[in-house]
Amino acid sequence: MTNLFASIFDTAAETIPFSQFGIAVGASLLIGFALAWIYNIKNKSSKSFLISIALLPAIVCVVIMMVNGNLGAGVAVAGAFSLVRFRSQPGSAREISTIFIAMGTGLITGMGYIAYAAVFALVLTAVMALLSFAPFAKGGIDTEKDLRITIPEDLNYSEAFDDILEKYTARNELLSVKTSNMGSLFKLRYKVVLKDGKSEKEFMDMLRTRNGNLEISMAKPEVITNEL
């Protein structure tokens, strides 16, 4: 077992005990989960971003363990990671984290720790898959909808839809109000999170009965490409 987790290169750094490796990665994952959970309390973010926050401490932990005391490896890693951020097309937070995982795995194998590379890749990809399917970051910006309602000028928009919004949405916020058609119409824009996605049709029908069957639209909010 000791030889299994040793470097295949004779000139490599001192072998890292598997118990210490596991404790460090496990602690990093726990801290990452705590950071993501705390950040999500008041700041609504995409699920992709929160998964990245949960995984990054473990990725950096393994990179630091592998390059510790090796100046050449440290310079190479710094150059490679800077290329990802500044020399490539920016992607989503999850895409960048996956690139970091792949680079970390390559770094570990390059240092000769084949078994550690397999463990590292298996653990982090498993955690990423579990978080992707789990109700993690429920109610974040991934579930928000952009609701736009047109109402006649004689309808008091400040209270007209309160009961409907309270019944069908877990969270709602009036973002803007503007006049249209020479002031005879008002256009309201809400940011909402539905309690049940299956009730969207019923929700819009209730709104139509309240606004005189004028135009209503519901769509995903504009996607911000550069998440990090």
Protein backbone atom coordinates (compact mmCIF):
# COMPACT_ATOMS: atom_id res chain seq x y z
CA MET A 1 0.00 0.00 0.00
CA THR A 2 2.88 2.37 0.79
CA ASN A 3 4.46 1.77 -2.60
CA LEU A 4 1.12 2.24 -4.33
CA PHE A 5 0.91 5.88 -3.25
CA ALA A 6 4.61 6.64 -3.76
CA SER A 7 6.02 8.56 -6.70
CA ILE A 8 7.20 6.49 -9.66
CA PHE A 9 10.17 8.87 -10.05
CA ASP A 10 13.25 8.30 -7.91
CA THR A 11 14.03 12.02 -7.90
CA ALA A 12 10.59 13.09 -6.75
CA ALA A 13 9.86 14.68 -3.41
CA GLU A 14 9.28 12.67 -0.26
CA THR A 15 6.25 10.38 -0.43
CA ILE A 16 3.07 11.87 1.03
CA PRO A 17 1.28 9.47 3.43
CA PHE A 18 -2.20 8.62 2.21
CA SER A 19 -3.74 9.40 5.61
CA GLN A 20 -2.37 12.95 5.51
CA PHE A 21 -3.48 13.35 1.90
CA GLY A 22 -7.01 12.21 2.78
CA ILE A 23 -7.27 14.46 5.84
CA ALA A 24 -6.10 17.52 3.91
CA VAL A 25 -8.46 16.96 0.96
CA GLY A 26 -11.38 16.09 3.25
CA ALA A 27 -10.85 19.20 5.38
CA SER A 28 -10.60 21.34 2.24
CA LEU A 29 -13.90 19.96 0.92
CA LEU A 30 -15.66 20.62 4.25
CA ILE A 31 -14.34 24.16 4.36
CA GLY A 32 -15.36 24.67 0.73
CA PHE A 33 -18.91 23.48 1.46
CA ALA A 34 -19.08 25.82 4.47
CA LEU A 35 -17.89 28.78 2.40
CA ALA A 36 -20.42 28.05 -0.35
CA TRP A 37 -23.26 27.66 2.15
CA ILE A 38 -22.39 30.87 4.02
CA TYR A 39 -22.01 32.83 0.78
CA ASN A 40 -25.40 31.62 -0.44
CA ILE A 41 -27.27 32.85 2.66
CA LYS A 42 -27.53 36.46 1.49
CA ASN A 43 -26.01 36.31 -2.00
CA LYS A 44 -28.03 34.49 -4.63
CA SER A 45 -25.63 32.87 -7.10
CA SER A 46 -25.74 30.23 -9.78
CA LYS A 47 -25.38 26.60 -8.81
CA SER A 48 -22.31 26.43 -11.05
CA PHE A 49 -20.56 29.17 -9.06
CA LEU A 50 -21.35 27.61 -5.66
CA ILE A 51 -20.09 24.18 -6.78
CA SER A 52 -16.87 25.86 -7.86
CA ILE A 53 -16.51 27.54 -4.46
CA ALA A 54 -16.98 24.16 -2.78
CA LEU A 55 -14.35 22.42 -4.94
CA LEU A 56 -11.63 25.06 -5.29
CA PRO A 57 -10.12 24.66 -1.77
CA ALA A 58 -9.50 20.96 -2.43
CA ILE A 59 -7.99 21.68 -5.86
CA VAL A 60 -5.63 24.32 -4.48
CA CYS A 61 -4.79 22.07 -1.51
CA VAL A 62 -3.62 19.24 -3.75
CA VAL A 63 -1.68 21.60 -6.02
CA ILE A 64 0.15 23.10 -3.02
CA MET A 65 0.98 19.65 -1.63
CA MET A 66 2.44 18.57 -4.95
CA VAL A 67 4.56 21.65 -5.68
CA ASN A 68 5.71 22.24 -2.09
CA GLY A 69 9.48 22.79 -2.18
CA ASN A 70 9.69 22.28 -5.95
CA LEU A 71 10.44 25.67 -7.53
CA GLY A 72 10.30 24.40 -11.10
CA ALA A 73 6.88 22.80 -10.63
CA GLY A 74 5.58 25.92 -8.90
CA VAL A 75 6.59 28.20 -11.78
CA ALA A 76 5.10 25.79 -14.33
CA VAL A 77 1.79 25.59 -12.46
CA ALA A 78 1.57 29.38 -12.12
CA GLY A 79 2.11 29.78 -15.85
CA ALA A 80 -0.41 27.10 -16.78
CA PHE A 81 -3.15 28.48 -14.51
CA SER A 82 -2.62 32.02 -15.81
CA LEU A 83 -3.14 30.73 -19.35
CA VAL A 84 -6.56 29.37 -18.37
CA ARG A 85 -7.74 32.76 -17.13
CA PHE A 86 -6.11 35.21 -19.51
CA ARG A 87 -5.30 33.32 -22.71
CA SER A 88 -8.55 31.44 -23.31
CA GLN A 89 -12.20 32.27 -23.87
CA PRO A 90 -13.86 32.74 -20.44
CA GLY A 91 -16.43 30.11 -19.60
CA SER A 92 -18.81 29.34 -16.80
CA ALA A 93 -17.59 28.80 -13.26
CA ARG A 94 -18.11 25.04 -13.57
CA GLU A 95 -16.17 24.86 -16.84
CA ILE A 96 -13.19 26.67 -15.33
CA SER A 97 -13.29 24.43 -12.24
CA THR A 98 -13.29 21.34 -14.46
CA ILE A 99 -10.24 22.69 -16.28
CA PHE A 100 -8.53 23.19 -12.92
CA ILE A 101 -9.38 19.62 -11.88
CA ALA A 102 -7.91 18.30 -15.13
CA MET A 103 -4.78 20.41 -14.67
CA GLY A 104 -4.44 19.28 -11.06
CA THR A 105 -4.71 15.66 -12.15
CA GLY A 106 -2.06 16.21 -14.79
CA LEU A 107 0.19 17.87 -12.23
CA ILE A 108 -0.12 14.92 -9.84
CA THR A 109 0.66 12.37 -12.53
CA GLY A 110 3.52 14.56 -13.72
CA MET A 111 5.00 14.41 -10.22
CA GLY A 112 4.76 10.63 -10.39
CA TYR A 113 1.84 10.05 -7.97
CA ILE A 114 -0.39 7.96 -10.23
CA ALA A 115 -2.62 6.55 -7.47
CA TYR A 116 -3.12 9.98 -5.92
CA ALA A 117 -4.12 11.35 -9.32
CA ALA A 118 -6.79 8.64 -9.65
CA VAL A 119 -8.11 9.28 -6.12
CA PHE A 120 -8.12 13.05 -6.62
CA ALA A 121 -9.98 12.87 -9.95
CA LEU A 122 -12.47 10.29 -8.65
CA VAL A 123 -13.32 12.17 -5.45
CA LEU A 124 -13.73 15.62 -7.02
CA THR A 125 -15.73 14.44 -10.04
CA ALA A 126 -17.97 12.40 -7.73
CA VAL A 127 -18.54 15.44 -5.51
CA MET A 128 -19.28 17.60 -8.54
CA ALA A 129 -21.80 15.06 -9.86
CA LEU A 130 -23.52 14.75 -6.47
CA LEU A 131 -23.82 18.52 -6.08
CA SER A 132 -25.15 18.86 -9.62
CA PHE A 133 -28.06 16.48 -8.93
CA ALA A 134 -28.59 17.45 -5.28
CA PRO A 135 -30.88 20.34 -4.27
CA PHE A 136 -27.78 22.46 -3.73
CA ALA A 137 -28.24 26.25 -4.12
CA LYS A 138 -31.99 25.76 -4.49
CA GLY A 139 -33.61 29.11 -5.13
CA GLY A 140 -30.49 30.60 -6.69
CA ILE A 141 -30.34 32.53 -9.94
CA ASP A 142 -30.66 29.26 -11.91
CA THR A 143 -34.33 29.07 -10.85
CA GLU A 144 -35.19 32.75 -11.23
CA LYS A 145 -37.57 33.93 -13.92
CA ASP A 146 -37.95 37.35 -15.50
CA LEU A 147 -41.67 38.21 -15.33
CA ARG A 148 -43.05 41.15 -17.32
CA ILE A 149 -46.67 42.26 -16.92
CA THR A 150 -48.57 44.97 -18.82
CA ILE A 151 -51.43 46.61 -16.90
CA PRO A 152 -53.91 49.42 -17.61
CA GLU A 153 -53.22 52.81 -16.03
CA ASP A 154 -56.19 52.60 -13.64
CA LEU A 155 -54.86 49.44 -11.92
CA ASN A 156 -52.83 50.05 -8.76
CA TYR A 157 -49.73 47.97 -9.51
CA SER A 158 -48.29 48.25 -5.99
CA GLU A 159 -50.91 45.87 -4.56
CA ALA A 160 -52.64 44.36 -7.59
CA PHE A 161 -50.71 41.08 -7.69
CA ASP A 162 -49.57 40.63 -4.07
CA ASP A 163 -51.91 37.73 -3.27
CA ILE A 164 -51.08 35.87 -6.51
CA LEU A 165 -47.35 36.33 -6.06
CA GLU A 166 -47.52 35.16 -2.46
CA LYS A 167 -49.41 32.01 -3.48
CA TYR A 168 -47.23 30.93 -6.42
CA THR A 169 -43.75 32.32 -5.76
CA ALA A 170 -41.14 31.52 -3.14
CA ARG A 171 -39.50 34.88 -3.74
CA ASN A 172 -40.43 37.92 -5.80
CA GLU A 173 -39.08 41.41 -6.35
CA LEU A 174 -40.40 44.32 -8.39
CA LEU A 175 -37.44 45.53 -10.45
CA SER A 176 -38.87 48.30 -12.58
CA VAL A 177 -42.02 50.13 -13.66
CA LYS A 178 -42.39 52.16 -16.84
CA THR A 179 -45.23 53.74 -18.78
CA SER A 180 -46.16 52.85 -22.35
CA ASN A 181 -48.62 53.84 -25.09
CA MET A 182 -48.76 57.54 -24.11
CA GLY A 183 -49.16 56.67 -20.44
CA SER A 184 -52.25 54.50 -20.88
CA LEU A 185 -50.33 51.34 -19.92
CA PHE A 186 -47.78 50.39 -17.29
CA LYS A 187 -45.13 47.72 -17.79
CA LEU A 188 -43.95 45.93 -14.67
CA ARG A 189 -40.84 43.80 -14.44
CA TYR A 190 -40.46 41.24 -11.63
CA LYS A 191 -37.77 38.79 -10.62
CA VAL A 192 -39.55 35.69 -9.30
CA VAL A 193 -38.80 32.16 -8.13
CA LEU A 194 -41.77 29.82 -8.46
CA LYS A 195 -42.66 27.43 -5.64
CA ASP A 196 -43.57 24.75 -8.19
CA GLY A 197 -42.43 24.91 -11.80
CA LYS A 198 -45.42 22.80 -12.88
CA SER A 199 -47.82 25.57 -11.82
CA GLU A 200 -46.39 28.17 -14.19
CA LYS A 201 -49.37 27.96 -16.57
CA GLU A 202 -51.84 28.34 -13.71
CA PHE A 203 -49.81 31.25 -12.35
CA MET A 204 -49.90 33.11 -15.68
CA ASP A 205 -53.63 32.45 -16.06
CA MET A 206 -54.25 34.05 -12.67
CA LEU A 207 -52.21 37.07 -13.69
CA ARG A 208 -54.14 37.39 -16.98
CA THR A 209 -57.46 37.58 -15.15
CA ARG A 210 -56.07 40.41 -13.02
CA ASN A 211 -54.45 42.56 -15.75
CA GLY A 212 -57.31 42.45 -18.24
CA ASN A 213 -55.66 39.82 -20.45
CA LEU A 214 -52.92 42.22 -21.54
CA GLU A 215 -49.44 41.04 -22.46
CA ILE A 216 -47.53 38.87 -19.95
CA SER A 217 -44.16 37.23 -20.52
CA MET A 218 -41.99 34.97 -18.41
CA ALA A 219 -38.45 34.03 -19.40
CA LYS A 220 -35.08 33.16 -17.97
CA PRO A 221 -33.01 36.18 -16.91
CA GLU A 222 -30.18 37.29 -19.12
CA VAL A 223 -27.18 34.99 -18.79
CA ILE A 224 -23.94 36.57 -17.64
CA THR A 225 -21.16 34.81 -19.55
CA ASN A 226 -18.26 35.76 -17.28
CA GLU A 227 -19.24 34.32 -13.94
CA LEU A 228 -15.79 34.56 -12.37
